[in-house]
Amino acid sequence: MRRVCVQEADFDATTELGRLSAEAGGVSSFIGVVRGQAAGRQLAALRLEHYPGMTEKALTQLADTAITRWALTGCTIIHRVGRLAPGQNIVLVATASQHRAAALAATAFLIDQLKTNAPFWKAEEFADGTVEWVAARESDNTAASGWS
């Protein structure tokens, strides 16, 4: 089972994990949450933009790669867009397989790929009213390239 969603609405992690567990020996998940600070400054919100159609296609390709590489029984990627306040969910990645090692590795792979290869544009809105676009970090690029 593959489920990929790009949406403004929040998600229910318990429901999503329940969809994956029926055929699995192990389910792994990661939930990304908006931080309250960035670069030592108070964050008011994180704004995520995307190009509809292109983003879903890219996420579907990532999910299919993980399903094939780790023989997953299920994979869910839900990524939110729009303006999100600190503490709100951004992303859910969940994978299921017959064995925990595959589910854990696939989840780590997907998060690393989402940080570097998914077509999202992020802007940090600070409490002082300034806005800064988020640039790719070398550490994220290094982590993602380690899966090649």
C-alpha atoms as a PDB file:
ATOM      1  CA  MET A   1       0.000   0.000   0.000  1.00  0.00           C
ATOM      2  CA  ARG A   2       1.335   3.417  -0.973  1.00  0.00           C
ATOM      3  CA  ARG A   3      -0.240   6.653   0.264  1.00  0.00           C
ATOM      4  CA  VAL A   4       1.121  10.077  -0.744  1.00  0.00           C
ATOM      5  CA  CYS A   5      -0.642  13.323   0.193  1.00  0.00           C
ATOM      6  CA  VAL A   6       0.301  16.980  -0.050  1.00  0.00           C
ATOM      7  CA  GLN A   7      -2.230  18.964   1.928  1.00  0.00           C
ATOM      8  CA  GLU A   8      -2.926  21.986   4.100  1.00  0.00           C
ATOM      9  CA  ALA A   9      -4.896  20.001   6.691  1.00  0.00           C
ATOM     10  CA  ASP A  10      -3.249  18.306   9.653  1.00  0.00           C
ATOM     11  CA  PHE A  11      -3.033  14.521   9.785  1.00  0.00           C
ATOM     12  CA  ASP A  12      -3.885  11.939  12.433  1.00  0.00           C
ATOM     13  CA  ALA A  13      -0.742   9.859  12.931  1.00  0.00           C
ATOM     14  CA  THR A  14      -2.581   7.118  14.832  1.00  0.00           C
ATOM     15  CA  THR A  15      -5.005   6.580  11.957  1.00  0.00           C
ATOM     16  CA  GLU A  16      -2.213   6.630   9.395  1.00  0.00           C
ATOM     17  CA  LEU A  17      -0.077   4.119  11.316  1.00  0.00           C
ATOM     18  CA  GLY A  18      -3.098   1.863  11.735  1.00  0.00           C
ATOM     19  CA  ARG A  19      -3.468   1.645   7.950  1.00  0.00           C
ATOM     20  CA  LEU A  20       0.030   0.172   7.695  1.00  0.00           C
ATOM     21  CA  SER A  21       0.135  -2.326  10.544  1.00  0.00           C
ATOM     22  CA  ALA A  22      -2.169  -5.078   9.262  1.00  0.00           C
ATOM     23  CA  GLU A  23       0.376  -6.775   6.987  1.00  0.00           C
ATOM     24  CA  ALA A  24       3.562  -5.734   8.759  1.00  0.00           C
ATOM     25  CA  GLY A  25       6.025  -7.189  11.198  1.00  0.00           C
ATOM     26  CA  GLY A  26       7.284  -3.673  11.901  1.00  0.00           C
ATOM     27  CA  VAL A  27       6.123  -0.106  11.353  1.00  0.00           C
ATOM     28  CA  SER A  28       8.485   2.859  11.559  1.00  0.00           C
ATOM     29  CA  SER A  29       7.497   6.516  11.518  1.00  0.00           C
ATOM     30  CA  PHE A  30       8.820  10.044  11.693  1.00  0.00           C
ATOM     31  CA  ILE A  31       6.806  13.189  12.369  1.00  0.00           C
ATOM     32  CA  GLY A  32       8.382  16.548  11.621  1.00  0.00           C
ATOM     33  CA  VAL A  33       7.133  19.506  13.669  1.00  0.00           C
ATOM     34  CA  VAL A  34       7.654  23.262  13.224  1.00  0.00           C
ATOM     35  CA  ARG A  35      10.328  24.468  15.641  1.00  0.00           C
ATOM     36  CA  GLY A  36       9.805  27.541  17.809  1.00  0.00           C
ATOM     37  CA  GLN A  37      13.202  28.971  16.912  1.00  0.00           C
ATOM     38  CA  ALA A  38      15.455  29.076  13.896  1.00  0.00           C
ATOM     39  CA  ALA A  39      18.973  30.471  13.844  1.00  0.00           C
ATOM     40  CA  GLY A  40      18.490  31.510  17.485  1.00  0.00           C
ATOM     41  CA  ARG A  41      15.486  33.698  16.649  1.00  0.00           C
ATOM     42  CA  GLN A  42      11.822  33.325  17.613  1.00  0.00           C
ATOM     43  CA  LEU A  43       9.860  31.799  14.743  1.00  0.00           C
ATOM     44  CA  ALA A  44       6.275  32.981  14.167  1.00  0.00           C
ATOM     45  CA  ALA A  45       5.529  30.525  11.357  1.00  0.00           C
ATOM     46  CA  LEU A  46       6.959  28.368   8.612  1.00  0.00           C
ATOM     47  CA  ARG A  47       5.429  28.811   5.175  1.00  0.00           C
ATOM     48  CA  LEU A  48       5.700  25.893   2.750  1.00  0.00           C
ATOM     49  CA  GLU A  49       4.966  26.299  -0.940  1.00  0.00           C
ATOM     50  CA  HIS A  50       4.927  23.718  -3.713  1.00  0.00           C
ATOM     51  CA  TYR A  51       4.019  23.208  -7.343  1.00  0.00           C
ATOM     52  CA  PRO A  52       0.866  21.034  -7.451  1.00  0.00           C
ATOM     53  CA  GLY A  53       1.238  17.936  -9.556  1.00  0.00           C
ATOM     54  CA  MET A  54       5.029  18.075  -9.660  1.00  0.00           C
ATOM     55  CA  THR A  55       5.335  17.674  -5.888  1.00  0.00           C
ATOM     56  CA  GLU A  56       2.963  14.705  -5.684  1.00  0.00           C
ATOM     57  CA  LYS A  57       4.789  13.024  -8.566  1.00  0.00           C
ATOM     58  CA  ALA A  58       8.174  13.490  -6.884  1.00  0.00           C
ATOM     59  CA  LEU A  59       6.903  12.123  -3.554  1.00  0.00           C
ATOM     60  CA  THR A  60       5.272   9.156  -5.282  1.00  0.00           C
ATOM     61  CA  GLN A  61       8.579   8.333  -6.990  1.00  0.00           C
ATOM     62  CA  LEU A  62      10.382   8.478  -3.638  1.00  0.00           C
ATOM     63  CA  ALA A  63       7.784   6.183  -2.056  1.00  0.00           C
ATOM     64  CA  ASP A  64       8.031   3.716  -4.952  1.00  0.00           C
ATOM     65  CA  THR A  65      11.831   3.690  -4.667  1.00  0.00           C
ATOM     66  CA  ALA A  66      11.623   2.893  -0.952  1.00  0.00           C
ATOM     67  CA  ILE A  67       8.959   0.208  -1.489  1.00  0.00           C
ATOM     68  CA  THR A  68      11.122  -1.538  -4.061  1.00  0.00           C
ATOM     69  CA  ARG A  69      14.471  -1.126  -2.291  1.00  0.00           C
ATOM     70  CA  TRP A  70      13.275  -2.451   1.088  1.00  0.00           C
ATOM     71  CA  ALA A  71      10.368  -4.707  -0.017  1.00  0.00           C
ATOM     72  CA  LEU A  72       7.947  -2.645   2.059  1.00  0.00           C
ATOM     73  CA  THR A  73       4.383  -3.769   2.667  1.00  0.00           C
ATOM     74  CA  GLY A  74       3.325  -0.135   3.010  1.00  0.00           C
ATOM     75  CA  CYS A  75       4.529   3.439   2.768  1.00  0.00           C
ATOM     76  CA  THR A  76       2.858   6.708   3.729  1.00  0.00           C
ATOM     77  CA  ILE A  77       4.141  10.210   3.042  1.00  0.00           C
ATOM     78  CA  ILE A  78       1.987  13.150   4.111  1.00  0.00           C
ATOM     79  CA  HIS A  79       3.516  16.585   3.709  1.00  0.00           C
ATOM     80  CA  ARG A  80       1.697  19.742   4.687  1.00  0.00           C
ATOM     81  CA  VAL A  81       1.863  23.054   2.854  1.00  0.00           C
ATOM     82  CA  GLY A  82       0.719  26.539   3.739  1.00  0.00           C
ATOM     83  CA  ARG A  83       1.450  28.604   6.828  1.00  0.00           C
ATOM     84  CA  LEU A  84       2.243  26.494   9.897  1.00  0.00           C
ATOM     85  CA  ALA A  85       2.784  27.755  13.436  1.00  0.00           C
ATOM     86  CA  PRO A  86       5.404  26.402  15.861  1.00  0.00           C
ATOM     87  CA  GLY A  87       4.351  23.048  17.265  1.00  0.00           C
ATOM     88  CA  GLN A  88       2.256  22.086  14.243  1.00  0.00           C
ATOM     89  CA  ASN A  89       2.963  18.939  12.234  1.00  0.00           C
ATOM     90  CA  ILE A  90       4.785  19.352   8.926  1.00  0.00           C
ATOM     91  CA  VAL A  91       5.393  15.836   7.666  1.00  0.00           C
ATOM     92  CA  LEU A  92       4.629  12.206   8.415  1.00  0.00           C
ATOM     93  CA  VAL A  93       6.682   9.420   6.922  1.00  0.00           C
ATOM     94  CA  ALA A  94       5.686   5.889   7.869  1.00  0.00           C
ATOM     95  CA  THR A  95       6.859   2.595   6.444  1.00  0.00           C
ATOM     96  CA  ALA A  96       5.904  -0.992   7.084  1.00  0.00           C
ATOM     97  CA  SER A  97       7.763  -4.226   6.346  1.00  0.00           C
ATOM     98  CA  GLN A  98       8.061  -7.773   7.532  1.00  0.00           C
ATOM     99  CA  HIS A  99      11.160  -6.817   9.544  1.00  0.00           C
ATOM    100  CA  ARG A 100      12.002  -3.709  11.574  1.00  0.00           C
ATOM    101  CA  ALA A 101      15.398  -3.032   9.971  1.00  0.00           C
ATOM    102  CA  ALA A 102      13.829  -2.476   6.558  1.00  0.00           C
ATOM    103  CA  ALA A 103      11.121  -0.192   7.942  1.00  0.00           C
ATOM    104  CA  LEU A 104      13.626   1.867   9.945  1.00  0.00           C
ATOM    105  CA  ALA A 105      16.038   2.215   7.007  1.00  0.00           C
ATOM    106  CA  ALA A 106      13.271   3.153   4.570  1.00  0.00           C
ATOM    107  CA  THR A 107      11.937   5.832   6.928  1.00  0.00           C
ATOM    108  CA  ALA A 108      15.407   7.357   7.336  1.00  0.00           C
ATOM    109  CA  PHE A 109      15.938   7.268   3.556  1.00  0.00           C
ATOM    110  CA  LEU A 110      12.636   9.004   2.869  1.00  0.00           C
ATOM    111  CA  ILE A 111      13.205  11.784   5.405  1.00  0.00           C
ATOM    112  CA  ASP A 112      16.696  12.441   4.029  1.00  0.00           C
ATOM    113  CA  GLN A 113      15.317  12.566   0.489  1.00  0.00           C
ATOM    114  CA  LEU A 114      12.398  14.817   1.430  1.00  0.00           C
ATOM    115  CA  LYS A 115      14.795  17.330   2.996  1.00  0.00           C
ATOM    116  CA  THR A 116      16.866  17.599  -0.188  1.00  0.00           C
ATOM    117  CA  ASN A 117      15.022  16.311  -3.251  1.00  0.00           C
ATOM    118  CA  ALA A 118      11.350  17.153  -2.774  1.00  0.00           C
ATOM    119  CA  PRO A 119      10.104  20.305  -4.532  1.00  0.00           C
ATOM    120  CA  PHE A 120       9.054  22.399  -1.544  1.00  0.00           C
ATOM    121  CA  TRP A 121      10.035  25.981  -0.865  1.00  0.00           C
ATOM    122  CA  LYS A 122      10.180  27.046   2.771  1.00  0.00           C
ATOM    123  CA  ALA A 123      10.125  30.546   4.225  1.00  0.00           C
ATOM    124  CA  GLU A 124      10.654  31.279   7.900  1.00  0.00           C
ATOM    125  CA  GLU A 125       8.538  34.100   9.278  1.00  0.00           C
ATOM    126  CA  PHE A 126      10.171  35.528  12.389  1.00  0.00           C
ATOM    127  CA  ALA A 127       8.486  37.253  15.314  1.00  0.00           C
ATOM    128  CA  ASP A 128      10.201  40.532  14.359  1.00  0.00           C
ATOM    129  CA  GLY A 129       8.361  40.506  11.002  1.00  0.00           C
ATOM    130  CA  THR A 130      11.275  39.467   8.812  1.00  0.00           C
ATOM    131  CA  VAL A 131      10.988  36.591   6.367  1.00  0.00           C
ATOM    132  CA  GLU A 132      13.871  34.435   5.131  1.00  0.00           C
ATOM    133  CA  TRP A 133      13.806  31.626   2.586  1.00  0.00           C
ATOM    134  CA  VAL A 134      15.356  28.421   3.897  1.00  0.00           C
ATOM    135  CA  ALA A 135      18.483  27.324   2.037  1.00  0.00           C
ATOM    136  CA  ALA A 136      19.644  23.729   1.748  1.00  0.00           C
ATOM    137  CA  ARG A 137      22.090  22.676   4.450  1.00  0.00           C
ATOM    138  CA  GLU A 138      25.268  20.808   3.609  1.00  0.00           C
ATOM    139  CA  SER A 139      24.538  18.285   6.375  1.00  0.00           C
ATOM    140  CA  ASP A 140      21.193  17.428   4.743  1.00  0.00           C
ATOM    141  CA  ASN A 141      22.847  17.009   1.335  1.00  0.00           C
ATOM    142  CA  THR A 142      25.511  14.760   2.849  1.00  0.00           C
ATOM    143  CA  ALA A 143      22.895  12.584   4.570  1.00  0.00           C
ATOM    144  CA  ALA A 144      20.857  12.223   1.364  1.00  0.00           C
ATOM    145  CA  SER A 145      23.888  11.402  -0.778  1.00  0.00           C
ATOM    146  CA  GLY A 146      24.811   8.587   1.621  1.00  0.00           C
ATOM    147  CA  TRP A 147      21.909   6.525   0.254  1.00  0.00           C
ATOM    148  CA  SER A 148      23.318   6.344  -3.296  1.00  0.00           C
END
